[in-house]
């Protein structure tokens, strides 16, 4: 007969690790934050995964597969192909997900159990105790995340929408029209806040302003660590310990960054880049003085001057 303590330890090992999520509008500093948090001795933040669910017609992910009952016909190669196609990074370089799917029992019936075990194994492979997914658009479907991880903690990175709109314009998969980009920023930020109020307890969501973060990273990291329930570690401010997510790129994205940002990324002298704060003030190709009232209201609600 198995000893009671052994049984307890067995089930303890089978429990999923704590999950957190970094959400935002995109182009709002989530990569910078992820690098710092990943340097914490307890926190694993892999490259952006984008595998949970579809957003803005960008193709079905795991959620859609299980919702449409296609999981009954999926074997290891099907799941591997899905992740290879949908994840924008070379995840196999970071984590051996092929071995993970090869050892599962098929068909896989539970979306929730699959995601929990997948995330747990990624973290365990890095000897970490907390898993954080940095896929900004997950904030648009907090209802789905809440079903998977009802106790999850969220970090909402928010940045001045005018700077986000400019950064969007340099990004090939977003619009080059500043006005449309501002509308997207407004809609996505509002959706995160509305969903948070609808589905989460107040202590599950922490809002962090990009401008405050780059100006006083230690202060903001201490807030974030308290939110996550871990001690602050100075290693997070040491650029020598930061993961280089560019190692996992599938394509060259050099052209979407300013020269100043590229120089900062290469120098690695300081943990945050301040050069793009309030870049809209010197931007000559759009008149930010005549914005729609709902955009001005959103900016003002988050402490940004009109």
C-alpha atoms as a PDB file:
ATOM      1  CA  UNK A   1       0.000   0.000   0.000  1.00  0.00           C
ATOM      2  CA  UNK A   2       1.337   3.414  -0.949  1.00  0.00           C
ATOM      3  CA  UNK A   3       2.286   5.614   2.015  1.00  0.00           C
ATOM      4  CA  UNK A   4      -0.075   8.567   2.623  1.00  0.00           C
ATOM      5  CA  UNK A   5       2.771  11.094   2.320  1.00  0.00           C
ATOM      6  CA  UNK A   6       3.802   9.538  -0.989  1.00  0.00           C
ATOM      7  CA  UNK A   7       0.248   9.912  -2.279  1.00  0.00           C
ATOM      8  CA  UNK A   8       0.191  13.559  -1.229  1.00  0.00           C
ATOM      9  CA  UNK A   9       3.505  14.201  -2.965  1.00  0.00           C
ATOM     10  CA  UNK A  10       2.252  12.470  -6.098  1.00  0.00           C
ATOM     11  CA  UNK A  11      -0.795  14.679  -6.395  1.00  0.00           C
ATOM     12  CA  UNK A  12       1.247  17.722  -5.445  1.00  0.00           C
ATOM     13  CA  UNK A  13       3.564  17.061  -8.386  1.00  0.00           C
ATOM     14  CA  UNK A  14       0.594  16.683 -10.707  1.00  0.00           C
ATOM     15  CA  UNK A  15      -0.834  20.082  -9.860  1.00  0.00           C
ATOM     16  CA  UNK A  16      -0.530  22.797 -12.485  1.00  0.00           C
ATOM     17  CA  UNK A  17       1.855  25.639 -11.805  1.00  0.00           C
ATOM     18  CA  UNK A  18       0.515  29.178 -11.232  1.00  0.00           C
ATOM     19  CA  UNK A  19      -0.317  30.983 -14.475  1.00  0.00           C
ATOM     20  CA  UNK A  20      -0.188  34.686 -15.285  1.00  0.00           C
ATOM     21  CA  UNK A  21      -0.703  36.650 -18.474  1.00  0.00           C
ATOM     22  CA  UNK A  22       0.716  39.887 -19.868  1.00  0.00           C
ATOM     23  CA  UNK A  23      -1.862  41.634 -22.033  1.00  0.00           C
ATOM     24  CA  UNK A  24      -2.029  44.923 -23.903  1.00  0.00           C
ATOM     25  CA  UNK A  25      -2.738  46.631 -27.191  1.00  0.00           C
ATOM     26  CA  UNK A  26       0.494  45.550 -28.824  1.00  0.00           C
ATOM     27  CA  UNK A  27       3.525  47.845 -29.268  1.00  0.00           C
ATOM     28  CA  UNK A  28       3.173  48.749 -25.597  1.00  0.00           C
ATOM     29  CA  UNK A  29       6.344  47.391 -23.984  1.00  0.00           C
ATOM     30  CA  UNK A  30       5.294  43.832 -23.191  1.00  0.00           C
ATOM     31  CA  UNK A  31       8.513  42.369 -24.633  1.00  0.00           C
ATOM     32  CA  UNK A  32      10.634  44.602 -22.418  1.00  0.00           C
ATOM     33  CA  UNK A  33       8.648  43.546 -19.365  1.00  0.00           C
ATOM     34  CA  UNK A  34       8.797  39.874 -20.347  1.00  0.00           C
ATOM     35  CA  UNK A  35      12.596  39.935 -20.529  1.00  0.00           C
ATOM     36  CA  UNK A  36      12.833  41.314 -17.008  1.00  0.00           C
ATOM     37  CA  UNK A  37      10.307  38.952 -15.479  1.00  0.00           C
ATOM     38  CA  UNK A  38      11.937  35.967 -17.148  1.00  0.00           C
ATOM     39  CA  UNK A  39      15.157  36.839 -15.286  1.00  0.00           C
ATOM     40  CA  UNK A  40      13.390  36.161 -11.990  1.00  0.00           C
ATOM     41  CA  UNK A  41      14.432  32.846 -10.458  1.00  0.00           C
ATOM     42  CA  UNK A  42      10.814  31.648 -10.244  1.00  0.00           C
ATOM     43  CA  UNK A  43       9.240  33.043 -13.428  1.00  0.00           C
ATOM     44  CA  UNK A  44       9.217  31.573 -16.929  1.00  0.00           C
ATOM     45  CA  UNK A  45       8.164  33.829 -19.815  1.00  0.00           C
ATOM     46  CA  UNK A  46       8.651  32.025 -23.140  1.00  0.00           C
ATOM     47  CA  UNK A  47       8.649  33.732 -26.544  1.00  0.00           C
ATOM     48  CA  UNK A  48       5.206  34.941 -27.616  1.00  0.00           C
ATOM     49  CA  UNK A  49       3.120  31.799 -28.211  1.00  0.00           C
ATOM     50  CA  UNK A  50      -0.199  32.877 -29.813  1.00  0.00           C
ATOM     51  CA  UNK A  51      -1.532  29.297 -29.703  1.00  0.00           C
ATOM     52  CA  UNK A  52      -4.635  29.477 -27.512  1.00  0.00           C
ATOM     53  CA  UNK A  53      -7.299  31.067 -29.716  1.00  0.00           C
ATOM     54  CA  UNK A  54      -7.930  33.006 -32.898  1.00  0.00           C
ATOM     55  CA  UNK A  55      -8.070  36.783 -32.969  1.00  0.00           C
ATOM     56  CA  UNK A  56      -9.009  39.111 -35.818  1.00  0.00           C
ATOM     57  CA  UNK A  57      -9.334  36.223 -38.305  1.00  0.00           C
ATOM     58  CA  UNK A  58      -5.715  35.131 -37.911  1.00  0.00           C
ATOM     59  CA  UNK A  59      -6.485  31.426 -38.105  1.00  0.00           C
ATOM     60  CA  UNK A  60      -7.828  28.751 -35.738  1.00  0.00           C
ATOM     61  CA  UNK A  61      -5.849  27.776 -32.663  1.00  0.00           C
ATOM     62  CA  UNK A  62      -6.335  25.194 -29.915  1.00  0.00           C
ATOM     63  CA  UNK A  63      -9.594  26.710 -28.663  1.00  0.00           C
ATOM     64  CA  UNK A  64     -11.230  26.449 -32.074  1.00  0.00           C
ATOM     65  CA  UNK A  65      -9.945  22.885 -32.572  1.00  0.00           C
ATOM     66  CA  UNK A  66     -11.586  21.722 -29.352  1.00  0.00           C
ATOM     67  CA  UNK A  67     -14.728  23.821 -29.838  1.00  0.00           C
ATOM     68  CA  UNK A  68     -15.309  22.229 -33.246  1.00  0.00           C
ATOM     69  CA  UNK A  69     -14.532  18.728 -31.837  1.00  0.00           C
ATOM     70  CA  UNK A  70     -11.618  18.276 -34.217  1.00  0.00           C
ATOM     71  CA  UNK A  71      -9.474  17.215 -31.259  1.00  0.00           C
ATOM     72  CA  UNK A  72     -11.067  13.740 -31.537  1.00  0.00           C
ATOM     73  CA  UNK A  73      -9.149  13.245 -34.774  1.00  0.00           C
ATOM     74  CA  UNK A  74      -5.926  15.002 -33.783  1.00  0.00           C
ATOM     75  CA  UNK A  75      -2.757  13.018 -33.151  1.00  0.00           C
ATOM     76  CA  UNK A  76       0.694  14.262 -32.112  1.00  0.00           C
ATOM     77  CA  UNK A  77       1.681  15.379 -35.607  1.00  0.00           C
ATOM     78  CA  UNK A  78      -1.498  17.445 -35.957  1.00  0.00           C
ATOM     79  CA  UNK A  79      -0.840  19.348 -32.721  1.00  0.00           C
ATOM     80  CA  UNK A  80       2.819  19.832 -33.651  1.00  0.00           C
ATOM     81  CA  UNK A  81       1.847  21.234 -37.037  1.00  0.00           C
ATOM     82  CA  UNK A  82      -0.719  23.577 -35.476  1.00  0.00           C
ATOM     83  CA  UNK A  83       1.865  25.050 -33.113  1.00  0.00           C
ATOM     84  CA  UNK A  84       4.511  25.241 -35.820  1.00  0.00           C
ATOM     85  CA  UNK A  85       2.149  27.183 -38.092  1.00  0.00           C
ATOM     86  CA  UNK A  86       0.464  29.450 -35.523  1.00  0.00           C
ATOM     87  CA  UNK A  87       3.290  30.280 -33.150  1.00  0.00           C
ATOM     88  CA  UNK A  88       5.244  33.221 -34.629  1.00  0.00           C
ATOM     89  CA  UNK A  89       8.460  32.007 -32.994  1.00  0.00           C
ATOM     90  CA  UNK A  90      10.692  28.962 -33.381  1.00  0.00           C
ATOM     91  CA  UNK A  91       9.275  27.397 -30.252  1.00  0.00           C
ATOM     92  CA  UNK A  92      11.127  24.112 -30.800  1.00  0.00           C
ATOM     93  CA  UNK A  93      14.392  25.974 -30.180  1.00  0.00           C
ATOM     94  CA  UNK A  94      13.076  27.068 -26.780  1.00  0.00           C
ATOM     95  CA  UNK A  95      11.140  23.959 -25.740  1.00  0.00           C
ATOM     96  CA  UNK A  96      10.868  20.392 -27.091  1.00  0.00           C
ATOM     97  CA  UNK A  97       7.136  20.438 -27.708  1.00  0.00           C
ATOM     98  CA  UNK A  98       7.445  17.502 -30.124  1.00  0.00           C
ATOM     99  CA  UNK A  99       8.382  15.200 -27.235  1.00  0.00           C
ATOM    100  CA  UNK A 100       5.553  16.654 -25.178  1.00  0.00           C
ATOM    101  CA  UNK A 101       2.927  15.689 -27.756  1.00  0.00           C
ATOM    102  CA  UNK A 102       4.502  12.335 -28.536  1.00  0.00           C
ATOM    103  CA  UNK A 103       3.988  11.164 -24.956  1.00  0.00           C
ATOM    104  CA  UNK A 104       0.333  12.261 -24.646  1.00  0.00           C
ATOM    105  CA  UNK A 105      -2.554   9.806 -24.803  1.00  0.00           C
ATOM    106  CA  UNK A 106      -4.890  10.307 -27.760  1.00  0.00           C
ATOM    107  CA  UNK A 107      -7.448  11.504 -28.405  1.00  0.00           C
ATOM    108  CA  UNK A 108      -6.958  14.428 -26.043  1.00  0.00           C
ATOM    109  CA  UNK A 109     -10.373  15.289 -24.616  1.00  0.00           C
ATOM    110  CA  UNK A 110      -9.725  18.313 -22.394  1.00  0.00           C
ATOM    111  CA  UNK A 111      -8.523  21.653 -23.752  1.00  0.00           C
ATOM    112  CA  UNK A 112      -7.995  22.886 -20.201  1.00  0.00           C
ATOM    113  CA  UNK A 113      -5.872  19.926 -19.101  1.00  0.00           C
ATOM    114  CA  UNK A 114      -3.807  20.043 -22.268  1.00  0.00           C
ATOM    115  CA  UNK A 115      -2.954  23.736 -21.895  1.00  0.00           C
ATOM    116  CA  UNK A 116      -2.244  23.411 -18.176  1.00  0.00           C
ATOM    117  CA  UNK A 117       0.118  20.476 -18.670  1.00  0.00           C
ATOM    118  CA  UNK A 118       1.770  22.097 -21.695  1.00  0.00           C
ATOM    119  CA  UNK A 119       2.489  25.344 -19.850  1.00  0.00           C
ATOM    120  CA  UNK A 120       3.585  23.488 -16.723  1.00  0.00           C
ATOM    121  CA  UNK A 121       6.084  21.403 -18.636  1.00  0.00           C
ATOM    122  CA  UNK A 122       7.560  24.461 -20.350  1.00  0.00           C
ATOM    123  CA  UNK A 123       8.139  26.107 -16.976  1.00  0.00           C
ATOM    124  CA  UNK A 124       9.526  22.927 -15.428  1.00  0.00           C
ATOM    125  CA  UNK A 125      11.958  22.540 -18.326  1.00  0.00           C
ATOM    126  CA  UNK A 126      13.414  25.921 -17.280  1.00  0.00           C
ATOM    127  CA  UNK A 127      13.340  25.033 -13.546  1.00  0.00           C
ATOM    128  CA  UNK A 128      10.738  27.747 -12.912  1.00  0.00           C
ATOM    129  CA  UNK A 129       7.634  27.763 -10.692  1.00  0.00           C
ATOM    130  CA  UNK A 130       5.402  30.363 -12.381  1.00  0.00           C
ATOM    131  CA  UNK A 131       4.397  30.505 -16.053  1.00  0.00           C
ATOM    132  CA  UNK A 132       3.572  33.784 -17.796  1.00  0.00           C
ATOM    133  CA  UNK A 133       2.199  33.917 -21.332  1.00  0.00           C
ATOM    134  CA  UNK A 134       2.995  37.163 -23.133  1.00  0.00           C
ATOM    135  CA  UNK A 135       0.505  37.256 -25.965  1.00  0.00           C
ATOM    136  CA  UNK A 136      -0.991  40.775 -25.854  1.00  0.00           C
ATOM    137  CA  UNK A 137      -4.206  39.965 -27.711  1.00  0.00           C
ATOM    138  CA  UNK A 138      -5.240  37.442 -25.028  1.00  0.00           C
ATOM    139  CA  UNK A 139      -6.674  40.465 -23.256  1.00  0.00           C
ATOM    140  CA  UNK A 140      -9.382  40.545 -25.915  1.00  0.00           C
ATOM    141  CA  UNK A 141     -10.786  37.184 -24.741  1.00  0.00           C
ATOM    142  CA  UNK A 142     -10.326  37.170 -21.002  1.00  0.00           C
ATOM    143  CA  UNK A 143     -13.447  34.989 -20.836  1.00  0.00           C
ATOM    144  CA  UNK A 144     -11.519  32.132 -22.476  1.00  0.00           C
ATOM    145  CA  UNK A 145      -8.419  32.623 -20.328  1.00  0.00           C
ATOM    146  CA  UNK A 146     -10.612  32.747 -17.219  1.00  0.00           C
ATOM    147  CA  UNK A 147     -12.126  29.353 -18.076  1.00  0.00           C
ATOM    148  CA  UNK A 148      -8.660  27.846 -18.402  1.00  0.00           C
ATOM    149  CA  UNK A 149      -7.082  29.593 -15.430  1.00  0.00           C
ATOM    150  CA  UNK A 150      -9.715  30.990 -13.031  1.00  0.00           C
ATOM    151  CA  UNK A 151      -7.034  32.065 -10.533  1.00  0.00           C
ATOM    152  CA  UNK A 152      -4.744  33.696 -13.094  1.00  0.00           C
ATOM    153  CA  UNK A 153      -3.049  37.017 -12.480  1.00  0.00           C
ATOM    154  CA  UNK A 154      -2.952  39.587 -15.294  1.00  0.00           C
ATOM    155  CA  UNK A 155      -0.612  42.457 -16.053  1.00  0.00           C
ATOM    156  CA  UNK A 156      -2.099  45.035 -18.392  1.00  0.00           C
ATOM    157  CA  UNK A 157       0.624  47.109 -20.037  1.00  0.00           C
ATOM    158  CA  UNK A 158      -0.871  50.335 -21.317  1.00  0.00           C
ATOM    159  CA  UNK A 159       0.906  52.984 -23.356  1.00  0.00           C
ATOM    160  CA  UNK A 160      -0.115  56.388 -24.702  1.00  0.00           C
ATOM    161  CA  UNK A 161      -2.334  55.520 -27.657  1.00  0.00           C
ATOM    162  CA  UNK A 162      -0.714  58.132 -29.877  1.00  0.00           C
ATOM    163  CA  UNK A 163       2.679  56.463 -29.518  1.00  0.00           C
ATOM    164  CA  UNK A 164       1.086  53.060 -30.061  1.00  0.00           C
ATOM    165  CA  UNK A 165      -0.557  54.335 -33.258  1.00  0.00           C
ATOM    166  CA  UNK A 166       2.789  55.534 -34.598  1.00  0.00           C
ATOM    167  CA  UNK A 167       4.422  52.215 -33.759  1.00  0.00           C
ATOM    168  CA  UNK A 168       1.548  50.323 -35.402  1.00  0.00           C
ATOM    169  CA  UNK A 169       2.201  52.296 -38.598  1.00  0.00           C
ATOM    170  CA  UNK A 170       5.733  50.839 -38.792  1.00  0.00           C
ATOM    171  CA  UNK A 171       4.420  47.298 -38.352  1.00  0.00           C
ATOM    172  CA  UNK A 172       3.563  45.440 -41.587  1.00  0.00           C
ATOM    173  CA  UNK A 173       0.584  43.515 -40.183  1.00  0.00           C
ATOM    174  CA  UNK A 174      -1.180  46.642 -38.862  1.00  0.00           C
ATOM    175  CA  UNK A 175      -2.585  49.672 -40.642  1.00  0.00           C
ATOM    176  CA  UNK A 176      -0.390  52.607 -41.675  1.00  0.00           C
ATOM    177  CA  UNK A 177      -3.216  55.089 -41.011  1.00  0.00           C
ATOM    178  CA  UNK A 178      -2.673  56.781 -37.632  1.00  0.00           C
ATOM    179  CA  UNK A 179      -6.370  57.532 -37.167  1.00  0.00           C
ATOM    180  CA  UNK A 180      -7.377  53.904 -37.677  1.00  0.00           C
ATOM    181  CA  UNK A 181      -4.588  52.793 -35.382  1.00  0.00           C
ATOM    182  CA  UNK A 182      -5.862  55.082 -32.641  1.00  0.00           C
ATOM    183  CA  UNK A 183      -9.302  53.525 -33.015  1.00  0.00           C
ATOM    184  CA  UNK A 184      -7.798  50.072 -32.647  1.00  0.00           C
ATOM    185  CA  UNK A 185      -5.863  51.108 -29.539  1.00  0.00           C
ATOM    186  CA  UNK A 186      -9.035  52.568 -28.023  1.00  0.00           C
ATOM    187  CA  UNK A 187     -11.108  49.459 -28.779  1.00  0.00           C
ATOM    188  CA  UNK A 188      -8.535  46.985 -27.475  1.00  0.00           C
ATOM    189  CA  UNK A 189      -7.784  48.868 -24.272  1.00  0.00           C
ATOM    190  CA  UNK A 190     -11.492  49.280 -23.588  1.00  0.00           C
ATOM    191  CA  UNK A 191     -12.110  45.572 -24.211  1.00  0.00           C
ATOM    192  CA  UNK A 192      -9.395  44.591 -21.723  1.00  0.00           C
ATOM    193  CA  UNK A 193     -10.853  46.832 -19.038  1.00  0.00           C
ATOM    194  CA  UNK A 194     -14.475  45.845 -19.685  1.00  0.00           C
ATOM    195  CA  UNK A 195     -13.625  42.117 -19.713  1.00  0.00           C
ATOM    196  CA  UNK A 196     -11.556  42.481 -16.572  1.00  0.00           C
ATOM    197  CA  UNK A 197     -14.490  44.114 -14.785  1.00  0.00           C
ATOM    198  CA  UNK A 198     -16.861  41.421 -16.033  1.00  0.00           C
ATOM    199  CA  UNK A 199     -14.859  38.233 -15.467  1.00  0.00           C
ATOM    200  CA  UNK A 200     -12.132  38.929 -12.893  1.00  0.00           C
ATOM    201  CA  UNK A 201     -11.798  39.826  -9.257  1.00  0.00           C
ATOM    202  CA  UNK A 202     -10.176  43.246  -8.731  1.00  0.00           C
ATOM    203  CA  UNK A 203      -6.982  41.683  -7.353  1.00  0.00           C
ATOM    204  CA  UNK A 204      -6.397  39.634 -10.499  1.00  0.00           C
ATOM    205  CA  UNK A 205      -5.579  42.568 -12.821  1.00  0.00           C
ATOM    206  CA  UNK A 206      -2.713  45.019 -12.394  1.00  0.00           C
ATOM    207  CA  UNK A 207      -2.386  47.964 -14.780  1.00  0.00           C
ATOM    208  CA  UNK A 208       1.117  49.215 -15.532  1.00  0.00           C
ATOM    209  CA  UNK A 209       1.729  52.325 -17.597  1.00  0.00           C
ATOM    210  CA  UNK A 210       4.561  51.975 -20.089  1.00  0.00           C
ATOM    211  CA  UNK A 211       5.801  55.486 -19.379  1.00  0.00           C
ATOM    212  CA  UNK A 212       6.053  54.829 -15.631  1.00  0.00           C
ATOM    213  CA  UNK A 213       7.700  51.475 -16.244  1.00  0.00           C
ATOM    214  CA  UNK A 214      10.517  52.762 -18.458  1.00  0.00           C
ATOM    215  CA  UNK A 215      11.085  55.737 -16.164  1.00  0.00           C
ATOM    216  CA  UNK A 216      11.164  53.827 -12.856  1.00  0.00           C
ATOM    217  CA  UNK A 217      11.489  50.115 -13.638  1.00  0.00           C
ATOM    218  CA  UNK A 218      12.407  49.038 -10.117  1.00  0.00           C
ATOM    219  CA  UNK A 219       9.353  50.718  -8.615  1.00  0.00           C
ATOM    220  CA  UNK A 220       7.029  49.122 -11.149  1.00  0.00           C
ATOM    221  CA  UNK A 221       8.705  45.712 -10.947  1.00  0.00           C
ATOM    222  CA  UNK A 222       8.223  45.721  -7.193  1.00  0.00           C
ATOM    223  CA  UNK A 223       4.512  46.371  -7.744  1.00  0.00           C
ATOM    224  CA  UNK A 224       4.356  43.568 -10.288  1.00  0.00           C
ATOM    225  CA  UNK A 225       6.201  41.106  -8.044  1.00  0.00           C
ATOM    226  CA  UNK A 226       3.841  41.876  -5.185  1.00  0.00           C
ATOM    227  CA  UNK A 227       0.912  41.291  -7.553  1.00  0.00           C
ATOM    228  CA  UNK A 228       2.375  37.919  -8.603  1.00  0.00           C
ATOM    229  CA  UNK A 229       3.171  36.920  -5.036  1.00  0.00           C
ATOM    230  CA  UNK A 230       6.959  36.701  -5.402  1.00  0.00           C
ATOM    231  CA  UNK A 231       9.864  38.637  -3.938  1.00  0.00           C
ATOM    232  CA  UNK A 232      11.554  41.320  -6.005  1.00  0.00           C
ATOM    233  CA  UNK A 233      14.950  40.261  -7.413  1.00  0.00           C
ATOM    234  CA  UNK A 234      17.593  42.659  -8.737  1.00  0.00           C
ATOM    235  CA  UNK A 235      18.468  40.157 -11.459  1.00  0.00           C
ATOM    236  CA  UNK A 236      15.462  41.499 -13.361  1.00  0.00           C
ATOM    237  CA  UNK A 237      17.271  44.812 -13.830  1.00  0.00           C
ATOM    238  CA  UNK A 238      20.489  43.139 -14.984  1.00  0.00           C
ATOM    239  CA  UNK A 239      20.483  43.198 -18.787  1.00  0.00           C
ATOM    240  CA  UNK A 240      23.117  40.458 -18.854  1.00  0.00           C
ATOM    241  CA  UNK A 241      20.478  38.022 -17.581  1.00  0.00           C
ATOM    242  CA  UNK A 242      17.754  39.001 -20.058  1.00  0.00           C
ATOM    243  CA  UNK A 243      16.608  36.442 -22.594  1.00  0.00           C
ATOM    244  CA  UNK A 244      17.173  37.381 -26.236  1.00  0.00           C
ATOM    245  CA  UNK A 245      13.807  36.691 -27.852  1.00  0.00           C
ATOM    246  CA  UNK A 246      15.210  37.589 -31.262  1.00  0.00           C
ATOM    247  CA  UNK A 247      16.918  34.180 -31.252  1.00  0.00           C
ATOM    248  CA  UNK A 248      13.507  32.598 -31.817  1.00  0.00           C
ATOM    249  CA  UNK A 249      12.289  34.789 -34.669  1.00  0.00           C
ATOM    250  CA  UNK A 250      10.953  33.184 -37.815  1.00  0.00           C
ATOM    251  CA  UNK A 251      11.409  36.346 -39.870  1.00  0.00           C
ATOM    252  CA  UNK A 252      13.423  39.547 -39.881  1.00  0.00           C
ATOM    253  CA  UNK A 253      11.555  42.350 -38.096  1.00  0.00           C
ATOM    254  CA  UNK A 254      14.350  44.891 -37.947  1.00  0.00           C
ATOM    255  CA  UNK A 255      12.512  47.508 -39.991  1.00  0.00           C
ATOM    256  CA  UNK A 256       9.693  47.992 -37.463  1.00  0.00           C
ATOM    257  CA  UNK A 257      11.989  49.538 -34.839  1.00  0.00           C
ATOM    258  CA  UNK A 258      13.429  53.034 -34.742  1.00  0.00           C
ATOM    259  CA  UNK A 259      17.185  53.495 -35.002  1.00  0.00           C
ATOM    260  CA  UNK A 260      17.293  54.619 -31.384  1.00  0.00           C
ATOM    261  CA  UNK A 261      15.524  51.452 -30.246  1.00  0.00           C
ATOM    262  CA  UNK A 262      17.874  49.266 -32.292  1.00  0.00           C
ATOM    263  CA  UNK A 263      20.872  50.993 -30.740  1.00  0.00           C
ATOM    264  CA  UNK A 264      19.489  50.456 -27.236  1.00  0.00           C
ATOM    265  CA  UNK A 265      18.735  46.784 -27.965  1.00  0.00           C
ATOM    266  CA  UNK A 266      22.290  46.194 -29.116  1.00  0.00           C
ATOM    267  CA  UNK A 267      24.017  48.110 -26.323  1.00  0.00           C
ATOM    268  CA  UNK A 268      22.172  46.413 -23.429  1.00  0.00           C
ATOM    269  CA  UNK A 269      23.482  49.032 -21.015  1.00  0.00           C
ATOM    270  CA  UNK A 270      20.224  49.893 -19.273  1.00  0.00           C
ATOM    271  CA  UNK A 271      17.108  47.743 -18.776  1.00  0.00           C
ATOM    272  CA  UNK A 272      14.527  50.115 -20.276  1.00  0.00           C
ATOM    273  CA  UNK A 273      14.326  52.249 -23.402  1.00  0.00           C
ATOM    274  CA  UNK A 274      13.035  55.771 -22.743  1.00  0.00           C
ATOM    275  CA  UNK A 275      13.534  57.220 -26.202  1.00  0.00           C
ATOM    276  CA  UNK A 276      10.023  56.538 -27.475  1.00  0.00           C
ATOM    277  CA  UNK A 277       8.077  58.106 -24.611  1.00  0.00           C
ATOM    278  CA  UNK A 278       5.642  60.672 -26.012  1.00  0.00           C
ATOM    279  CA  UNK A 279       7.127  60.402 -29.501  1.00  0.00           C
ATOM    280  CA  UNK A 280       3.822  61.746 -30.822  1.00  0.00           C
ATOM    281  CA  UNK A 281       4.761  65.245 -29.656  1.00  0.00           C
ATOM    282  CA  UNK A 282       7.462  65.494 -32.317  1.00  0.00           C
ATOM    283  CA  UNK A 283       5.638  63.453 -34.977  1.00  0.00           C
ATOM    284  CA  UNK A 284       5.003  65.645 -38.042  1.00  0.00           C
ATOM    285  CA  UNK A 285       2.856  63.410 -40.238  1.00  0.00           C
ATOM    286  CA  UNK A 286      -0.361  63.548 -38.216  1.00  0.00           C
ATOM    287  CA  UNK A 287      -2.277  66.251 -36.378  1.00  0.00           C
ATOM    288  CA  UNK A 288      -2.866  64.969 -32.834  1.00  0.00           C
ATOM    289  CA  UNK A 289      -4.542  68.218 -31.756  1.00  0.00           C
ATOM    290  CA  UNK A 290      -7.903  67.298 -33.300  1.00  0.00           C
ATOM    291  CA  UNK A 291      -8.675  63.787 -32.086  1.00  0.00           C
ATOM    292  CA  UNK A 292     -12.201  62.377 -31.715  1.00  0.00           C
ATOM    293  CA  UNK A 293     -13.652  62.966 -28.261  1.00  0.00           C
ATOM    294  CA  UNK A 294     -13.817  59.258 -27.362  1.00  0.00           C
ATOM    295  CA  UNK A 295     -10.063  58.954 -28.039  1.00  0.00           C
ATOM    296  CA  UNK A 296      -9.358  61.994 -25.868  1.00  0.00           C
ATOM    297  CA  UNK A 297     -11.522  60.517 -23.124  1.00  0.00           C
ATOM    298  CA  UNK A 298      -9.608  57.231 -23.229  1.00  0.00           C
ATOM    299  CA  UNK A 299      -6.282  59.041 -23.062  1.00  0.00           C
ATOM    300  CA  UNK A 300      -7.453  61.176 -20.158  1.00  0.00           C
ATOM    301  CA  UNK A 301      -8.891  58.157 -18.290  1.00  0.00           C
ATOM    302  CA  UNK A 302      -5.424  56.606 -18.216  1.00  0.00           C
ATOM    303  CA  UNK A 303      -3.625  59.753 -17.170  1.00  0.00           C
ATOM    304  CA  UNK A 304      -2.482  60.986 -20.571  1.00  0.00           C
ATOM    305  CA  UNK A 305      -2.773  64.644 -21.486  1.00  0.00           C
ATOM    306  CA  UNK A 306      -5.074  65.602 -24.327  1.00  0.00           C
END
